[in-house]
Amino acid sequence: MAVGDDDQNIYSFKGANIEFIRRFRSDYEGELTYLVENFRSTQNIISAANHVIQRGADRMKVDHPIRIDARRKDDLPGGRWAAIDKQGRGAVRLITSPPAPNLQAQLVHAEIERIRRIDPTVKLSEIAVLCRTHAPLEKMRAICDVEGLPCEITGPEAAKGQITLMRTREGWALAQALRRRQLRMLRLSALRRSLSYLQRAQPRNAALLDLLDIVDDVASSLQADIVPAAEALDLFYEAAGEMRRDGRDSAIKVMTAHAAKGLEFDHVIVMDCADWRWDEEDERRLLYVAMTRARQSLSLMRAEGGRNPYLADLGTIDGVQDQLPRARPQHRADLERQYVMLGPASVDIGFAGRASLTQPIHRAIAALRTGDVVEVKGRYVHSPSGQIVGRLAASVDATPLQRGVATVVAVMVRTRSQTPEEYWPALQADHWETPLAEVRVDV
């Protein structure tokens, strides 16, 4: 058996071709079954997505449009939002917007705030902003930063700057404590109280928040408070791996449409900064994929000028509302900033490990907390007191970082066993810490 969807073939640039699906049927004389029920989206979202994809070239499901699943066939077209969204009634929102990322990001932020006003219970992680290219991501990151809205850039490129939770100072310390008592029982509620105490003292520490989430998830899945410490440790590692893949609950997801394939969110906002290539069928399928990530609400930005033929008449169908901004946004200079993550690939992760344990670098790193401001001078990272606490990797261009503001986002623990053996002779410690920072550079 093989399952495929030609409408979601968005990787032709990597060699993917719907002919592989067609040939499977002829090569193996298989019976063709159409899977046309959508178990995720509202009828309004399904109708809008069908309208976009139905005129695609060389489709296999021309006579088999996607429909809402039988269990929900009597639901209102707008689903849950038909009741709580007093104005839109759960309609897909088609918002005409300036194409400039600086301006459009402001409208997207306003749309996020509208969603949160209508449904104050919504988790930030259930709101996703999807872009065609990477360029608008920075403006979304900037406006979320300025407005105090947690956001998480996700995707392959962003993952390069991240580490798993159990490699942070907090995760490593917890793992070491559980290994020391692995033959004993652990009371999860007591662990949660200890982590809560630490988190209140360090409110900007994302690792502690993530550990609290993991403890809650493990307690919920086991339906128990007392568990063997060794079993708890295994479950924490497993949950940390899933968290790295799925992201944090406390942040809005911002990513490219390609990175969103296979994911789903309650609320999806799709940007159009005139960066879509509307003369290619791949782009139609990519827009379709982006639209069908949404469960409850979908907002589509449409760049002024009408260059998007796939959205040109979308506002004419039932369940879609054409929208104009109440006021045209003005350029905001505070959004003209870039963010550079000094993650594991951007720093010399063995730098502190080559220093004797009596050297002041270890005490200075131990004193660092998430949210502390550090300074990049030349190729070195300095603590607030001026002590060197890290060094940039040779591949990093340090020049633009000199005028930036660097903030500690995590402290990573590295061990001798994680280091290639040829570097062991230079190591002065069996484990050491390395601060990771994000540098904000105002353009």
Protein backbone atom coordinates (compact mmCIF):
# COMPACT_ATOMS: atom_id res chain seq x y z
CA MET A 1 0.00 0.00 0.00
CA ALA A 2 1.19 3.54 -0.76
CA VAL A 3 -0.37 6.83 0.32
CA GLY A 4 0.33 10.07 -1.49
CA ASP A 5 -1.23 13.47 -2.12
CA ASP A 6 -0.30 15.16 -5.37
CA ASP A 7 -1.88 18.42 -4.12
CA GLN A 8 0.83 18.58 -1.44
CA ASN A 9 3.79 17.92 -3.72
CA ILE A 10 5.85 21.00 -2.84
CA TYR A 11 9.35 19.60 -3.28
CA SER A 12 9.76 19.35 -7.05
CA PHE A 13 12.96 21.38 -6.64
CA LYS A 14 14.30 18.38 -4.70
CA GLY A 15 13.22 15.90 -7.35
CA ALA A 16 9.74 15.02 -6.09
CA ASN A 17 7.35 14.26 -8.93
CA ILE A 18 3.69 13.21 -8.94
CA GLU A 19 4.54 10.76 -11.73
CA PHE A 20 5.92 8.50 -9.00
CA ILE A 21 2.38 8.25 -7.59
CA ARG A 22 0.87 7.63 -11.02
CA ARG A 23 3.43 4.96 -11.91
CA PHE A 24 2.84 3.08 -8.66
CA ARG A 25 -0.68 2.26 -9.80
CA SER A 26 0.40 1.02 -13.24
CA ASP A 27 3.54 -0.78 -12.02
CA TYR A 28 1.74 -2.72 -9.30
CA GLU A 29 -1.78 -2.82 -10.76
CA GLY A 30 -3.07 -1.40 -7.51
CA GLU A 31 -6.59 -0.31 -6.73
CA LEU A 32 -6.98 3.46 -6.34
CA THR A 33 -8.86 4.79 -3.32
CA TYR A 34 -9.45 8.51 -2.80
CA LEU A 35 -9.02 9.81 0.74
CA VAL A 36 -11.10 12.96 0.66
CA GLU A 37 -12.21 13.55 4.26
CA ASN A 38 -10.57 16.38 6.16
CA PHE A 39 -10.54 15.70 9.90
CA ARG A 40 -8.77 18.96 10.80
CA SER A 41 -10.17 22.15 9.30
CA THR A 42 -13.54 23.89 9.36
CA GLN A 43 -15.78 23.85 6.29
CA ASN A 44 -14.88 27.47 5.55
CA ILE A 45 -11.17 26.67 5.51
CA ILE A 46 -11.72 23.55 3.40
CA SER A 47 -13.82 25.49 0.87
CA ALA A 48 -11.19 28.23 0.56
CA ALA A 49 -8.38 25.70 0.13
CA ASN A 50 -10.39 23.74 -2.45
CA HIS A 51 -10.97 26.96 -4.40
CA VAL A 52 -7.22 27.59 -4.56
CA ILE A 53 -6.21 24.07 -5.57
CA GLN A 54 -9.08 23.09 -7.88
CA ARG A 55 -7.62 24.90 -10.90
CA GLY A 56 -4.21 23.35 -10.49
CA ALA A 57 -2.72 21.67 -13.52
CA ASP A 58 -2.52 17.89 -13.92
CA ARG A 59 -4.28 17.01 -10.66
CA MET A 60 -5.31 13.48 -9.73
CA LYS A 61 -8.29 14.48 -7.56
CA VAL A 62 -10.07 16.79 -10.02
CA ASP A 63 -13.39 15.00 -9.50
CA HIS A 64 -12.83 14.25 -5.82
CA PRO A 65 -12.77 17.50 -3.81
CA ILE A 66 -11.81 17.37 -0.15
CA ARG A 67 -14.79 17.48 2.23
CA ILE A 68 -15.27 17.73 5.96
CA ASP A 69 -15.36 14.38 7.75
CA ALA A 70 -18.73 12.73 8.34
CA ARG A 71 -18.59 13.18 12.11
CA ARG A 72 -18.52 16.99 11.69
CA LYS A 73 -20.78 17.33 8.65
CA ASP A 74 -23.50 19.08 10.69
CA ASP A 75 -21.10 21.58 12.30
CA LEU A 76 -21.46 25.25 11.44
CA PRO A 77 -19.18 26.20 8.50
CA GLY A 78 -17.07 28.34 10.82
CA GLY A 79 -16.80 25.61 13.46
CA ARG A 80 -16.26 26.73 17.04
CA TRP A 81 -15.43 30.26 15.88
CA ALA A 82 -18.86 30.66 14.32
CA ALA A 83 -20.08 31.09 17.91
CA ILE A 84 -17.29 33.09 19.53
CA ASP A 85 -16.27 35.35 16.61
CA LYS A 86 -19.25 37.70 16.63
CA GLN A 87 -18.16 39.58 13.50
CA GLY A 88 -16.48 37.04 11.27
CA ARG A 89 -18.40 33.94 12.41
CA GLY A 90 -15.37 31.82 11.62
CA ALA A 91 -14.95 33.04 8.04
CA VAL A 92 -11.55 32.90 6.36
CA ARG A 93 -10.11 36.43 6.45
CA LEU A 94 -8.54 37.78 3.24
CA ILE A 95 -6.67 40.93 4.28
CA THR A 96 -5.29 43.35 1.70
CA SER A 97 -1.90 44.45 2.98
CA PRO A 98 1.16 46.45 1.97
CA PRO A 99 3.82 44.01 0.72
CA ALA A 100 6.65 45.55 2.77
CA PRO A 101 7.52 43.09 5.58
CA ASN A 102 7.85 45.96 8.09
CA LEU A 103 4.26 47.07 7.44
CA GLN A 104 2.73 43.63 6.98
CA ALA A 105 4.26 42.35 10.22
CA GLN A 106 2.30 45.06 12.05
CA LEU A 107 -0.96 43.82 10.52
CA VAL A 108 -0.08 40.23 11.39
CA HIS A 109 0.57 41.30 14.98
CA ALA A 110 -2.83 43.01 15.05
CA GLU A 111 -4.41 39.80 13.75
CA ILE A 112 -2.72 37.80 16.52
CA GLU A 113 -4.05 40.22 19.12
CA ARG A 114 -7.55 39.92 17.58
CA ILE A 115 -7.40 36.13 17.96
CA ARG A 116 -6.29 36.45 21.57
CA ARG A 117 -9.06 38.93 22.39
CA ILE A 118 -11.73 36.66 20.95
CA ASP A 119 -10.33 33.57 22.66
CA PRO A 120 -8.28 34.48 25.76
CA THR A 121 -7.69 30.76 26.43
CA VAL A 122 -5.75 30.15 23.22
CA LYS A 123 -2.21 28.83 23.66
CA LEU A 124 0.42 30.90 21.89
CA SER A 125 1.83 27.71 20.37
CA GLU A 126 -1.48 27.17 18.57
CA ILE A 127 -0.95 30.35 16.53
CA ALA A 128 1.33 30.04 13.51
CA VAL A 129 2.59 32.67 11.08
CA LEU A 130 3.69 31.18 7.76
CA CYS A 131 5.88 32.96 5.20
CA ARG A 132 6.96 32.04 1.69
CA THR A 133 10.60 33.07 2.23
CA HIS A 134 12.83 33.67 5.22
CA ALA A 135 12.99 37.48 4.85
CA PRO A 136 9.67 38.29 6.59
CA LEU A 137 10.58 36.04 9.53
CA GLU A 138 12.95 38.66 10.93
CA LYS A 139 10.28 41.36 10.94
CA MET A 140 7.89 39.03 12.75
CA ARG A 141 10.64 38.21 15.24
CA ALA A 142 11.27 41.93 15.70
CA ILE A 143 7.66 42.97 16.29
CA CYS A 144 7.11 40.10 18.71
CA ASP A 145 10.25 41.16 20.57
CA VAL A 146 9.24 44.83 20.72
CA GLU A 147 5.65 44.03 21.75
CA GLY A 148 6.68 41.47 24.38
CA LEU A 149 5.08 38.54 22.56
CA PRO A 150 7.03 35.27 22.85
CA CYS A 151 7.71 33.76 19.44
CA GLU A 152 9.74 30.86 18.15
CA ILE A 153 11.31 30.71 14.71
CA THR A 154 11.14 27.06 13.71
CA GLY A 155 12.55 25.02 10.86
CA PRO A 156 15.88 23.45 9.85
CA GLU A 157 17.88 26.68 9.92
CA ALA A 158 16.59 27.72 13.35
CA ALA A 159 17.28 24.25 14.74
CA LYS A 160 20.99 24.69 14.06
CA GLY A 161 21.15 27.31 16.80
CA GLN A 162 19.30 25.24 19.39
CA ILE A 163 20.24 22.56 21.87
CA THR A 164 18.07 19.94 23.50
CA LEU A 165 16.68 20.79 26.91
CA MET A 166 18.72 18.09 28.65
CA ARG A 167 21.96 19.69 27.42
CA THR A 168 21.17 22.97 29.17
CA ARG A 169 22.60 23.71 32.61
CA GLU A 170 19.20 23.08 34.18
CA GLY A 171 18.46 19.87 32.28
CA TRP A 172 21.94 18.48 32.88
CA ALA A 173 21.77 19.22 36.62
CA LEU A 174 18.40 17.46 36.87
CA ALA A 175 19.71 14.44 34.95
CA GLN A 176 22.75 14.19 37.22
CA ALA A 177 20.57 14.36 40.33
CA LEU A 178 18.28 11.60 39.04
CA ARG A 179 21.21 9.38 38.07
CA ARG A 180 22.55 9.63 41.61
CA ARG A 181 19.24 8.36 42.97
CA GLN A 182 18.19 6.11 40.09
CA LEU A 183 17.43 3.17 42.40
CA ARG A 184 15.13 5.31 44.52
CA MET A 185 11.62 6.65 43.99
CA LEU A 186 10.91 10.19 42.84
CA ARG A 187 7.92 12.28 43.88
CA LEU A 188 7.01 14.38 40.83
CA SER A 189 5.01 16.92 42.84
CA ALA A 190 8.05 17.63 45.02
CA LEU A 191 10.24 18.04 41.94
CA ARG A 192 7.70 20.43 40.49
CA ARG A 193 7.72 22.55 43.65
CA SER A 194 11.52 22.79 43.53
CA LEU A 195 11.51 23.78 39.86
CA SER A 196 8.74 26.33 40.48
CA TYR A 197 10.81 27.93 43.23
CA LEU A 198 13.80 28.22 40.89
CA GLN A 199 11.66 29.54 38.06
CA ARG A 200 10.17 32.29 40.23
CA ALA A 201 13.70 33.44 40.99
CA GLN A 202 14.60 33.33 37.26
CA PRO A 203 11.41 34.29 35.37
CA ARG A 204 13.27 34.66 32.04
CA ASN A 205 14.70 31.15 32.18
CA ALA A 206 12.96 29.21 29.38
CA ALA A 207 14.68 25.95 30.34
CA LEU A 208 13.02 25.94 33.77
CA LEU A 209 9.62 26.61 32.18
CA ASP A 210 10.21 23.75 29.77
CA LEU A 211 11.21 21.40 32.59
CA LEU A 212 8.02 22.30 34.44
CA ASP A 213 6.01 21.48 31.31
CA ILE A 214 7.79 18.13 30.99
CA VAL A 215 7.16 17.20 34.63
CA ASP A 216 3.46 18.01 34.15
CA ASP A 217 3.32 15.96 30.93
CA VAL A 218 5.02 12.96 32.54
CA ALA A 219 2.76 13.10 35.61
CA SER A 220 -0.30 13.32 33.37
CA SER A 221 0.74 10.44 31.12
CA LEU A 222 1.65 8.15 34.03
CA GLN A 223 -1.31 9.17 36.19
CA ALA A 224 1.05 8.80 39.12
CA ASP A 225 3.03 11.03 41.45
CA ILE A 226 5.67 8.59 42.68
CA VAL A 227 7.83 6.88 40.04
CA PRO A 228 11.29 5.27 39.92
CA ALA A 229 13.90 7.97 39.31
CA ALA A 230 15.49 5.97 36.48
CA GLU A 231 12.14 5.69 34.67
CA ALA A 232 11.46 9.39 35.17
CA LEU A 233 14.84 10.25 33.66
CA ASP A 234 14.11 8.19 30.54
CA LEU A 235 10.74 9.88 30.17
CA PHE A 236 12.28 13.33 30.61
CA TYR A 237 14.78 12.67 27.82
CA GLU A 238 12.00 11.40 25.55
CA ALA A 239 9.79 14.41 26.28
CA ALA A 240 12.71 16.81 25.76
CA GLY A 241 13.29 15.32 22.31
CA GLU A 242 9.63 15.80 21.42
CA MET A 243 9.73 19.36 22.73
CA ARG A 244 12.66 20.19 20.46
CA ARG A 245 10.65 18.91 17.50
CA ASP A 246 7.31 20.48 18.43
CA GLY A 247 8.55 23.64 20.14
CA ARG A 248 7.42 25.33 23.33
CA ASP A 249 3.81 25.87 24.40
CA SER A 250 4.51 29.44 25.42
CA ALA A 251 5.51 30.89 22.04
CA ILE A 252 3.91 31.73 18.71
CA LYS A 253 5.33 29.66 15.85
CA VAL A 254 6.86 31.56 12.94
CA MET A 255 8.15 29.55 9.99
CA THR A 256 8.19 29.14 6.24
CA ALA A 257 5.32 27.35 4.55
CA HIS A 258 7.69 24.55 3.56
CA ALA A 259 8.64 24.00 7.21
CA ALA A 260 4.96 23.80 8.19
CA LYS A 261 4.17 20.74 6.09
CA GLY A 262 2.93 17.93 8.34
CA LEU A 263 2.05 20.33 11.17
CA GLU A 264 -1.28 21.76 12.27
CA PHE A 265 -2.37 24.71 14.39
CA ASP A 266 -5.63 26.14 15.66
CA HIS A 267 -4.92 29.49 13.99
CA VAL A 268 -2.83 30.17 10.89
CA ILE A 269 -1.84 33.52 9.36
CA VAL A 270 -0.19 33.38 5.93
CA MET A 271 1.94 36.36 4.86
CA ASP A 272 2.25 37.64 1.29
CA CYS A 273 5.17 40.04 0.96
CA ALA A 274 5.17 39.77 -2.84
CA ASP A 275 7.72 36.98 -2.47
CA TRP A 276 5.57 34.15 -3.85
CA ARG A 277 6.29 33.02 -7.42
CA TRP A 278 2.78 32.94 -8.78
CA ASP A 279 3.69 31.58 -12.21
CA GLU A 280 4.58 28.14 -10.84
CA GLU A 281 2.20 25.31 -9.94
CA ASP A 282 4.45 24.43 -7.00
CA GLU A 283 3.45 27.76 -5.46
CA ARG A 284 -0.25 26.95 -5.74
CA ARG A 285 0.33 23.66 -3.94
CA LEU A 286 2.49 25.39 -1.32
CA LEU A 287 -0.25 27.92 -0.61
CA TYR A 288 -2.74 25.03 -0.34
CA VAL A 289 -0.47 23.30 2.18
CA ALA A 290 -0.18 26.52 4.20
CA MET A 291 -3.95 27.03 4.25
CA THR A 292 -4.71 23.47 5.31
CA ARG A 293 -2.49 23.68 8.39
CA ALA A 294 -5.35 25.58 10.09
CA ARG A 295 -7.93 23.95 12.33
CA GLN A 296 -10.11 26.81 13.61
CA SER A 297 -9.21 30.05 11.84
CA LEU A 298 -7.28 31.13 8.77
CA SER A 299 -6.13 34.64 7.84
CA LEU A 300 -4.52 35.29 4.46
CA MET A 301 -2.55 38.44 3.74
CA ARG A 302 -2.87 39.56 0.11
CA ALA A 303 -0.24 42.00 -1.10
CA GLU A 304 -1.57 45.20 -2.65
CA GLY A 305 -1.48 45.18 -6.42
CA GLY A 306 -3.26 41.88 -6.90
CA ARG A 307 -0.24 39.93 -8.12
CA ASN A 308 -1.50 36.74 -6.50
CA PRO A 309 -3.79 35.06 -9.05
CA TYR A 310 -4.71 32.28 -6.62
CA LEU A 311 -6.31 34.77 -4.23
CA ALA A 312 -7.76 37.14 -6.85
CA ASP A 313 -11.36 35.91 -6.58
CA LEU A 314 -11.18 34.03 -3.29
CA GLY A 315 -13.27 36.72 -1.61
CA THR A 316 -16.24 35.84 -3.84
CA ILE A 317 -16.90 32.42 -2.30
CA ASP A 318 -19.01 31.67 0.76
CA GLY A 319 -17.08 31.57 4.01
CA VAL A 320 -14.40 34.09 2.98
CA GLN A 321 -14.43 37.76 4.01
CA ASP A 322 -12.45 40.45 2.20
CA GLN A 323 -10.85 42.78 4.74
CA LEU A 324 -9.11 46.14 4.58
CA PRO A 325 -7.00 47.35 7.53
CA ARG A 326 -8.71 49.98 9.65
CA ALA A 327 -5.61 52.14 9.23
CA ARG A 328 -2.61 51.78 6.98
CA PRO A 329 0.45 50.94 9.09
CA GLN A 330 3.41 53.30 9.08
CA HIS A 331 7.03 52.26 8.83
CA ARG A 332 8.48 51.46 12.25
CA ALA A 333 12.20 52.00 12.65
CA ASP A 334 12.26 49.79 15.74
CA LEU A 335 11.49 46.76 13.57
CA GLU A 336 14.62 47.26 11.47
CA ARG A 337 16.77 44.85 13.40
CA GLN A 338 18.44 41.51 12.84
CA TYR A 339 18.94 38.63 15.23
CA VAL A 340 22.04 36.45 15.24
CA MET A 341 21.99 33.29 17.33
CA LEU A 342 25.34 32.33 18.82
CA GLY A 343 24.42 28.67 19.14
CA PRO A 344 26.67 25.59 19.36
CA ALA A 345 27.84 25.97 15.74
CA SER A 346 28.74 29.64 16.24
CA VAL A 347 30.87 29.41 19.38
CA ASP A 348 33.99 27.52 20.40
CA ILE A 349 32.22 24.94 22.57
CA GLY A 350 35.49 23.62 23.99
CA PHE A 351 36.86 27.03 24.98
CA ALA A 352 36.07 26.90 28.71
CA GLY A 353 36.95 23.19 28.84
CA ARG A 354 40.55 24.01 27.94
CA ALA A 355 40.86 26.33 30.94
CA SER A 356 41.96 25.07 34.34
CA LEU A 357 39.13 24.76 36.87
CA THR A 358 40.87 27.43 38.95
CA GLN A 359 40.60 29.98 36.13
CA PRO A 360 38.06 32.80 36.64
CA ILE A 361 36.18 31.93 33.43
CA HIS A 362 34.39 29.06 35.20
CA ARG A 363 33.20 31.24 38.07
CA ALA A 364 32.08 33.95 35.65
CA ILE A 365 30.05 31.48 33.56
CA ALA A 366 28.53 29.94 36.70
CA ALA A 367 27.30 33.41 37.69
CA LEU A 368 25.54 33.97 34.35
CA ARG A 369 21.78 33.64 34.19
CA THR A 370 19.38 33.48 31.25
CA GLY A 371 18.54 37.04 30.23
CA ASP A 372 21.89 38.51 31.31
CA VAL A 373 23.39 40.96 28.84
CA VAL A 374 26.88 40.04 27.67
CA GLU A 375 29.16 41.84 25.23
CA VAL A 376 30.92 40.69 22.07
CA LYS A 377 34.36 42.30 21.82
CA GLY A 378 36.42 41.15 18.90
CA ARG A 379 36.03 37.38 18.86
CA TYR A 380 35.35 37.03 22.58
CA VAL A 381 32.19 37.13 24.69
CA HIS A 382 32.49 39.08 27.94
CA SER A 383 30.35 38.83 31.08
CA PRO A 384 28.72 41.94 32.63
CA SER A 385 31.80 42.25 34.86
CA GLY A 386 34.14 42.16 31.85
CA GLN A 387 35.41 38.59 32.29
CA ILE A 388 35.83 36.55 29.10
CA VAL A 389 33.25 33.74 29.12
CA GLY A 390 33.38 32.49 25.54
CA ARG A 391 34.86 32.75 22.08
CA LEU A 392 33.25 32.82 18.65
CA ALA A 393 33.80 30.02 16.17
CA ALA A 394 36.30 30.78 13.42
CA SER A 395 33.53 30.69 10.81
CA VAL A 396 31.54 33.54 12.38
CA ASP A 397 31.83 37.09 11.04
CA ALA A 398 32.29 39.07 14.25
CA THR A 399 32.18 42.55 12.68
CA PRO A 400 28.40 43.23 12.78
CA LEU A 401 28.14 41.73 16.27
CA GLN A 402 30.28 44.48 17.81
CA ARG A 403 27.40 46.97 17.66
CA GLY A 404 24.75 44.52 18.82
CA VAL A 405 23.17 43.74 22.18
CA ALA A 406 23.83 40.14 23.22
CA THR A 407 21.56 38.34 25.68
CA VAL A 408 22.18 34.92 27.22
CA VAL A 409 19.46 32.51 26.06
CA ALA A 410 20.89 29.32 27.58
CA VAL A 411 23.98 27.85 29.19
CA MET A 412 25.04 24.58 27.58
CA VAL A 413 26.90 21.79 29.37
CA ARG A 414 29.59 19.99 27.38
CA THR A 415 31.45 16.88 28.55
CA ARG A 416 34.70 15.17 27.68
CA SER A 417 32.80 12.15 26.33
CA GLN A 418 30.97 14.39 23.84
CA THR A 419 34.29 15.69 22.51
CA PRO A 420 36.32 13.93 19.77
CA GLU A 421 39.24 12.07 21.36
CA GLU A 422 41.90 14.01 19.46
CA TYR A 423 40.95 17.09 21.53
CA TRP A 424 41.08 15.35 24.91
CA PRO A 425 44.74 16.21 25.69
CA ALA A 426 43.89 19.92 25.69
CA LEU A 427 40.93 19.57 28.06
CA GLN A 428 41.33 20.61 31.69
CA ALA A 429 37.83 19.57 32.80
CA ASP A 430 35.51 16.58 32.41
CA HIS A 431 32.53 18.86 31.97
CA TRP A 432 32.14 22.60 31.55
CA GLU A 433 29.60 25.27 30.65
CA THR A 434 29.31 27.40 27.52
CA PRO A 435 26.97 30.41 27.35
CA LEU A 436 24.80 30.72 24.23
CA ALA A 437 23.51 34.16 23.32
CA GLU A 438 21.29 35.95 20.85
CA VAL A 439 22.64 39.20 19.42
CA ARG A 440 20.22 41.91 18.37
CA VAL A 441 21.71 44.21 15.75
CA ASP A 442 19.78 47.40 14.95
CA VAL A 443 20.09 48.17 11.25
